[in-house]
């Protein structure tokens, strides 16, 4: 079964999650100095998180969803939406890159710097998905 009904559902859930996270006092991606893009398929959606800005209270990083004006990513990860969901739920190891379930372009060292942030995101994402589908 698909984790998102369609692109509109994926966009609604993921955009709301990342925009909310950008406002909290302990955002997992704030201040990392990386622009990360997730290009998902089945359904298709592109999310860009710009953590290069200086974090301010209530606005820790910028979120772009399917926005052609999004900044160029430092690293871009390509995967199926169900793979993305499994990663953020903690049901799949970030080794998905090594197994071919995800592909990366750009600065791979930068993507490795994001692993602690992704680990901190897991419980928040799981809770968010339970509450918001």
N, C-alpha and C. Protein backbone atom coordinates (compact mmCIF):
# COMPACT_ATOMS: atom_id res chain seq x y z
N UNK A 1 0.84 -1.17 0.00
CA UNK A 1 0.00 0.00 0.00
C UNK A 1 0.89 1.24 0.00
N UNK A 2 0.52 2.24 -0.79
CA UNK A 2 1.28 3.49 -0.88
C UNK A 2 1.16 4.27 0.43
N UNK A 3 2.24 4.94 0.80
CA UNK A 3 2.23 5.71 2.04
C UNK A 3 1.53 7.05 1.87
N UNK A 4 1.42 7.53 0.62
CA UNK A 4 0.69 8.76 0.31
C UNK A 4 -0.35 8.43 -0.76
N UNK A 5 -1.50 9.02 -0.66
CA UNK A 5 -2.57 8.75 -1.63
C UNK A 5 -2.20 9.21 -3.03
N UNK A 6 -1.56 10.38 -3.10
CA UNK A 6 -1.19 10.97 -4.38
C UNK A 6 -0.21 12.10 -4.12
N UNK A 7 0.19 12.81 -5.18
CA UNK A 7 1.15 13.90 -5.02
C UNK A 7 0.62 15.01 -4.12
N UNK A 8 -0.66 15.31 -4.23
CA UNK A 8 -1.24 16.38 -3.40
C UNK A 8 -1.16 16.00 -1.91
N UNK A 9 -1.46 14.75 -1.59
CA UNK A 9 -1.38 14.30 -0.20
C UNK A 9 0.07 14.35 0.30
N UNK A 10 1.01 13.88 -0.50
CA UNK A 10 2.43 13.91 -0.12
C UNK A 10 2.88 15.35 0.10
N UNK A 11 2.50 16.23 -0.80
CA UNK A 11 2.87 17.64 -0.69
C UNK A 11 2.30 18.24 0.59
N UNK A 12 1.04 17.98 0.86
CA UNK A 12 0.37 18.52 2.05
C UNK A 12 1.06 18.05 3.33
N UNK A 13 1.30 16.76 3.44
CA UNK A 13 1.90 16.19 4.65
C UNK A 13 3.34 16.65 4.84
N UNK A 14 4.15 16.51 3.81
CA UNK A 14 5.57 16.79 3.94
C UNK A 14 5.85 18.29 4.06
N UNK A 15 5.14 19.09 3.30
CA UNK A 15 5.34 20.53 3.42
C UNK A 15 4.97 21.01 4.82
N UNK A 16 3.83 20.57 5.33
CA UNK A 16 3.41 20.97 6.67
C UNK A 16 4.41 20.49 7.72
N UNK A 17 4.90 19.27 7.59
CA UNK A 17 5.86 18.74 8.56
C UNK A 17 7.14 19.57 8.57
N UNK A 18 7.75 19.78 7.41
CA UNK A 18 9.02 20.50 7.38
C UNK A 18 8.85 21.98 7.73
N UNK A 19 7.75 22.59 7.34
CA UNK A 19 7.54 24.00 7.71
C UNK A 19 7.32 24.13 9.21
N UNK A 20 6.61 23.20 9.81
CA UNK A 20 6.44 23.23 11.26
C UNK A 20 7.80 23.06 11.94
N UNK A 21 8.57 22.08 11.50
CA UNK A 21 9.87 21.81 12.10
C UNK A 21 10.81 23.01 11.99
N UNK A 22 10.67 23.80 10.95
CA UNK A 22 11.52 24.98 10.77
C UNK A 22 11.22 26.06 11.81
N UNK A 23 10.10 25.92 12.53
CA UNK A 23 9.71 26.95 13.50
C UNK A 23 10.04 26.57 14.94
N UNK A 24 10.35 25.32 15.22
CA UNK A 24 10.54 24.89 16.60
C UNK A 24 11.91 25.29 17.14
N UNK A 25 12.04 25.30 18.46
CA UNK A 25 13.29 25.73 19.09
C UNK A 25 14.45 24.79 18.82
N UNK A 26 14.17 23.53 18.59
CA UNK A 26 15.23 22.55 18.34
C UNK A 26 15.00 21.87 17.00
N UNK A 27 15.10 22.63 15.90
CA UNK A 27 14.87 22.01 14.60
C UNK A 27 16.02 21.09 14.26
N UNK A 28 15.71 19.97 13.63
CA UNK A 28 16.77 19.02 13.35
C UNK A 28 17.67 19.45 12.21
N UNK A 29 17.20 20.30 11.28
CA UNK A 29 18.05 20.71 10.17
C UNK A 29 18.57 22.13 10.30
N UNK A 30 18.12 22.90 11.23
CA UNK A 30 18.51 24.30 11.34
C UNK A 30 20.01 24.50 11.50
N UNK A 31 20.57 25.41 10.70
CA UNK A 31 21.96 25.80 10.84
C UNK A 31 22.99 24.79 10.36
N UNK A 32 22.59 23.81 9.58
CA UNK A 32 23.55 22.81 9.09
C UNK A 32 24.40 23.32 7.93
N UNK A 33 24.00 24.43 7.32
CA UNK A 33 24.78 25.01 6.23
C UNK A 33 24.71 24.25 4.93
N UNK A 34 23.66 23.46 4.76
CA UNK A 34 23.50 22.62 3.57
C UNK A 34 22.15 22.91 2.94
N UNK A 35 22.09 22.85 1.62
CA UNK A 35 20.81 22.86 0.92
C UNK A 35 20.60 21.43 0.45
N UNK A 36 19.60 20.77 1.04
CA UNK A 36 19.32 19.38 0.69
C UNK A 36 18.00 19.31 -0.06
N UNK A 37 18.00 18.52 -1.12
CA UNK A 37 16.78 18.32 -1.89
C UNK A 37 16.43 16.84 -1.87
N UNK A 38 15.14 16.59 -1.72
CA UNK A 38 14.62 15.23 -1.85
C UNK A 38 13.72 15.23 -3.07
N UNK A 39 14.07 14.44 -4.06
CA UNK A 39 13.22 14.29 -5.23
C UNK A 39 12.60 12.90 -5.14
N UNK A 40 11.30 12.89 -4.92
CA UNK A 40 10.58 11.63 -4.70
C UNK A 40 9.76 11.27 -5.92
N UNK A 41 9.53 9.98 -6.07
CA UNK A 41 8.64 9.50 -7.13
C UNK A 41 7.64 8.53 -6.51
N UNK A 42 6.55 8.38 -7.17
CA UNK A 42 5.46 7.48 -6.74
C UNK A 42 4.90 7.84 -5.38
N UNK A 43 4.36 9.00 -5.15
CA UNK A 43 4.09 10.10 -6.08
C UNK A 43 5.27 11.07 -6.20
N UNK A 44 5.19 11.90 -7.22
CA UNK A 44 6.25 12.85 -7.53
C UNK A 44 6.11 14.09 -6.65
N UNK A 45 7.21 14.46 -5.99
CA UNK A 45 7.28 15.68 -5.19
C UNK A 45 8.75 16.00 -4.99
N UNK A 46 9.08 17.28 -4.94
CA UNK A 46 10.47 17.71 -4.69
C UNK A 46 10.46 18.68 -3.51
N UNK A 47 11.25 18.36 -2.50
CA UNK A 47 11.35 19.16 -1.29
C UNK A 47 12.79 19.66 -1.18
N UNK A 48 12.95 20.95 -0.96
CA UNK A 48 14.27 21.52 -0.78
C UNK A 48 14.29 22.22 0.58
N UNK A 49 15.29 21.87 1.38
CA UNK A 49 15.48 22.48 2.69
C UNK A 49 16.78 23.28 2.65
N UNK A 50 16.67 24.58 2.85
CA UNK A 50 17.83 25.46 2.81
C UNK A 50 18.23 25.82 4.23
N UNK A 51 19.28 25.18 4.72
CA UNK A 51 19.73 25.40 6.10
C UNK A 51 20.93 26.34 6.14
N UNK A 52 21.17 27.07 5.04
CA UNK A 52 22.32 27.97 5.01
C UNK A 52 22.05 29.29 5.71
N UNK A 53 20.81 29.61 5.92
CA UNK A 53 20.47 30.88 6.58
C UNK A 53 20.83 30.82 8.06
N UNK A 54 21.05 31.96 8.65
CA UNK A 54 21.29 32.02 10.09
C UNK A 54 19.95 31.77 10.78
N UNK A 55 19.88 30.74 11.61
CA UNK A 55 18.61 30.46 12.28
C UNK A 55 18.15 31.62 13.17
N UNK A 56 16.88 31.90 13.10
CA UNK A 56 16.25 32.91 13.95
C UNK A 56 15.12 32.23 14.71
N UNK A 57 14.73 32.75 15.86
CA UNK A 57 13.58 32.16 16.57
C UNK A 57 12.36 32.13 15.65
N UNK A 58 11.76 30.97 15.54
CA UNK A 58 10.56 30.82 14.71
C UNK A 58 10.82 30.63 13.23
N UNK A 59 12.08 30.69 12.81
CA UNK A 59 12.40 30.47 11.39
C UNK A 59 13.84 29.97 11.29
N UNK A 60 14.00 28.67 11.33
CA UNK A 60 15.33 28.07 11.39
C UNK A 60 15.90 27.70 10.03
N UNK A 61 15.04 27.39 9.08
CA UNK A 61 15.49 27.09 7.72
C UNK A 61 14.32 27.30 6.77
N UNK A 62 14.63 27.39 5.48
CA UNK A 62 13.61 27.63 4.46
C UNK A 62 13.20 26.31 3.82
N UNK A 63 11.91 26.21 3.51
CA UNK A 63 11.34 25.00 2.92
C UNK A 63 10.72 25.36 1.57
N UNK A 64 11.07 24.61 0.55
CA UNK A 64 10.51 24.79 -0.78
C UNK A 64 9.93 23.45 -1.22
N UNK A 65 8.69 23.46 -1.68
CA UNK A 65 8.07 22.23 -2.16
C UNK A 65 7.59 22.47 -3.59
N UNK A 66 8.12 21.68 -4.50
CA UNK A 66 7.80 21.81 -5.92
C UNK A 66 7.92 23.25 -6.40
N UNK A 67 8.95 23.93 -5.92
CA UNK A 67 9.14 25.35 -6.21
C UNK A 67 10.33 25.51 -7.17
N UNK A 68 10.07 26.00 -8.39
CA UNK A 68 11.17 26.17 -9.35
C UNK A 68 12.19 27.22 -8.90
N UNK A 69 11.83 28.05 -7.92
CA UNK A 69 12.74 29.08 -7.42
C UNK A 69 13.59 28.62 -6.24
N UNK A 70 13.50 27.34 -5.91
CA UNK A 70 14.30 26.80 -4.81
C UNK A 70 15.78 26.93 -5.15
N UNK A 71 16.61 27.14 -4.13
CA UNK A 71 18.05 27.24 -4.39
C UNK A 71 18.63 25.91 -4.88
N UNK A 72 19.77 26.00 -5.53
CA UNK A 72 20.46 24.81 -6.02
C UNK A 72 20.93 24.00 -4.81
N UNK A 73 20.64 22.72 -4.79
CA UNK A 73 21.03 21.91 -3.63
C UNK A 73 22.52 21.61 -3.57
N UNK A 74 23.01 21.50 -2.35
CA UNK A 74 24.36 21.01 -2.10
C UNK A 74 24.40 19.52 -2.41
N UNK A 75 23.33 18.84 -2.00
CA UNK A 75 23.18 17.42 -2.24
C UNK A 75 21.70 17.15 -2.53
N UNK A 76 21.44 16.28 -3.49
CA UNK A 76 20.07 15.92 -3.83
C UNK A 76 19.93 14.41 -3.75
N UNK A 77 18.90 13.98 -3.04
CA UNK A 77 18.63 12.56 -2.87
C UNK A 77 17.40 12.20 -3.69
N UNK A 78 17.48 11.11 -4.43
CA UNK A 78 16.40 10.63 -5.28
C UNK A 78 15.94 9.28 -4.75
N UNK A 79 14.64 9.15 -4.53
CA UNK A 79 14.11 7.89 -4.02
C UNK A 79 12.60 7.85 -4.19
N UNK A 80 12.05 6.70 -3.96
CA UNK A 80 10.59 6.55 -3.96
C UNK A 80 10.05 7.19 -2.68
N UNK A 81 8.82 7.63 -2.73
CA UNK A 81 8.21 8.25 -1.55
C UNK A 81 8.12 7.27 -0.39
N UNK A 82 7.87 5.99 -0.68
CA UNK A 82 7.80 5.02 0.41
C UNK A 82 9.17 4.80 1.06
N UNK A 83 10.25 4.92 0.29
CA UNK A 83 11.59 4.82 0.85
C UNK A 83 11.87 6.01 1.76
N UNK A 84 11.50 7.21 1.30
CA UNK A 84 11.66 8.42 2.12
C UNK A 84 10.90 8.27 3.43
N UNK A 85 9.66 7.82 3.34
CA UNK A 85 8.83 7.65 4.53
C UNK A 85 9.45 6.62 5.48
N UNK A 86 9.95 5.53 4.95
CA UNK A 86 10.57 4.50 5.79
C UNK A 86 11.84 5.02 6.45
N UNK A 87 12.63 5.82 5.73
CA UNK A 87 13.83 6.42 6.33
C UNK A 87 13.47 7.31 7.50
N UNK A 88 12.49 8.17 7.30
CA UNK A 88 12.11 9.13 8.33
C UNK A 88 11.31 8.49 9.47
N UNK A 89 10.78 7.33 9.25
CA UNK A 89 10.12 6.60 10.35
C UNK A 89 11.12 5.73 11.11
N UNK A 90 12.35 5.65 10.60
CA UNK A 90 13.36 4.84 11.25
C UNK A 90 13.24 3.36 10.91
N UNK A 91 12.48 3.03 9.89
CA UNK A 91 12.26 1.65 9.49
C UNK A 91 13.29 1.18 8.47
N UNK A 92 14.12 2.11 8.01
CA UNK A 92 15.14 1.78 7.02
C UNK A 92 16.40 2.56 7.38
N UNK A 93 17.52 1.93 7.24
CA UNK A 93 18.80 2.56 7.54
C UNK A 93 19.19 3.55 6.44
N UNK A 94 19.92 4.59 6.80
CA UNK A 94 20.44 5.49 5.77
C UNK A 94 21.34 4.78 4.76
N UNK A 95 21.64 3.53 4.99
CA UNK A 95 22.43 2.77 4.02
C UNK A 95 21.64 2.51 2.73
N UNK A 96 20.43 3.06 2.65
CA UNK A 96 19.64 2.93 1.43
C UNK A 96 20.43 3.40 0.22
N UNK A 97 21.33 4.35 0.42
CA UNK A 97 22.17 4.81 -0.68
C UNK A 97 23.07 3.68 -1.18
N UNK A 98 23.57 2.88 -0.26
CA UNK A 98 24.48 1.80 -0.64
C UNK A 98 23.74 0.64 -1.29
N UNK A 99 22.47 0.49 -0.98
CA UNK A 99 21.71 -0.63 -1.54
C UNK A 99 21.00 -0.27 -2.83
N UNK A 100 21.10 1.00 -3.24
CA UNK A 100 20.47 1.42 -4.48
C UNK A 100 19.02 1.86 -4.32
N UNK A 101 18.49 1.84 -3.11
CA UNK A 101 17.10 2.30 -2.90
C UNK A 101 17.00 3.80 -2.98
N UNK A 102 18.14 4.48 -2.86
CA UNK A 102 18.21 5.93 -3.02
C UNK A 102 19.50 6.25 -3.76
N UNK A 103 19.47 7.35 -4.48
CA UNK A 103 20.65 7.80 -5.19
C UNK A 103 20.93 9.24 -4.76
N UNK A 104 22.18 9.62 -4.79
CA UNK A 104 22.57 10.98 -4.39
C UNK A 104 23.40 11.62 -5.48
N UNK A 105 23.23 12.93 -5.61
CA UNK A 105 24.06 13.74 -6.49
C UNK A 105 24.53 14.93 -5.68
N UNK A 106 25.77 15.33 -5.91
CA UNK A 106 26.31 16.49 -5.22
C UNK A 106 27.31 16.09 -4.16
N UNK A 107 27.39 16.90 -3.13
CA UNK A 107 28.38 16.73 -2.06
C UNK A 107 27.93 15.65 -1.09
N UNK A 108 28.44 14.44 -1.27
CA UNK A 108 28.03 13.33 -0.42
C UNK A 108 28.53 13.50 1.01
N UNK A 109 29.64 14.18 1.19
CA UNK A 109 30.12 14.45 2.55
C UNK A 109 29.10 15.32 3.29
N UNK A 110 28.49 16.25 2.59
CA UNK A 110 27.45 17.10 3.21
C UNK A 110 26.26 16.25 3.63
N UNK A 111 25.90 15.26 2.81
CA UNK A 111 24.77 14.41 3.18
C UNK A 111 25.09 13.61 4.44
N UNK A 112 26.35 13.22 4.61
CA UNK A 112 26.74 12.49 5.82
C UNK A 112 26.64 13.38 7.06
N UNK A 113 26.89 14.68 6.90
CA UNK A 113 26.76 15.61 8.03
C UNK A 113 25.31 15.72 8.48
N UNK A 114 24.38 15.37 7.62
CA UNK A 114 22.96 15.48 7.96
C UNK A 114 22.43 14.26 8.69
N UNK A 115 23.20 13.19 8.76
CA UNK A 115 22.71 11.96 9.40
C UNK A 115 22.27 12.17 10.85
N UNK A 116 23.01 12.92 11.67
CA UNK A 116 22.51 13.14 13.04
C UNK A 116 21.17 13.89 13.05
N UNK A 117 21.01 14.82 12.14
CA UNK A 117 19.75 15.56 12.06
C UNK A 117 18.61 14.62 11.66
N UNK A 118 18.88 13.75 10.71
CA UNK A 118 17.85 12.80 10.29
C UNK A 118 17.48 11.87 11.45
N UNK A 119 18.47 11.45 12.21
CA UNK A 119 18.20 10.57 13.36
C UNK A 119 17.30 11.28 14.38
N UNK A 120 17.54 12.57 14.61
CA UNK A 120 16.69 13.33 15.54
C UNK A 120 15.29 13.54 14.98
N UNK A 121 15.16 13.50 13.67
CA UNK A 121 13.87 13.72 13.03
C UNK A 121 12.94 12.52 13.16
N UNK A 122 13.49 11.33 13.32
CA UNK A 122 12.68 10.11 13.28
C UNK A 122 11.51 10.12 14.26
N UNK A 123 11.71 10.36 15.55
CA UNK A 123 10.54 10.32 16.45
C UNK A 123 9.52 11.41 16.14
N UNK A 124 10.00 12.56 15.71
CA UNK A 124 9.07 13.65 15.39
C UNK A 124 8.25 13.33 14.15
N UNK A 125 8.90 12.78 13.14
CA UNK A 125 8.19 12.43 11.91
C UNK A 125 7.18 11.33 12.18
N UNK A 126 7.59 10.31 12.92
CA UNK A 126 6.67 9.21 13.24
C UNK A 126 5.43 9.74 13.95
N UNK A 127 5.63 10.59 14.94
CA UNK A 127 4.51 11.16 15.68
C UNK A 127 3.64 12.02 14.76
N UNK A 128 4.28 12.83 13.92
CA UNK A 128 3.53 13.68 13.01
C UNK A 128 2.68 12.85 12.05
N UNK A 129 3.24 11.79 11.50
CA UNK A 129 2.48 10.95 10.58
C UNK A 129 1.34 10.25 11.28
N UNK A 130 1.54 9.84 12.54
CA UNK A 130 0.43 9.21 13.30
C UNK A 130 -0.71 10.18 13.50
N UNK A 131 -0.38 11.44 13.75
CA UNK A 131 -1.40 12.45 14.02
C UNK A 131 -2.01 13.06 12.76
N UNK A 132 -1.27 13.09 11.65
CA UNK A 132 -1.73 13.80 10.47
C UNK A 132 -1.80 12.93 9.21
N UNK A 133 -1.64 11.66 9.36
CA UNK A 133 -1.75 10.76 8.19
C UNK A 133 -0.64 10.93 7.27
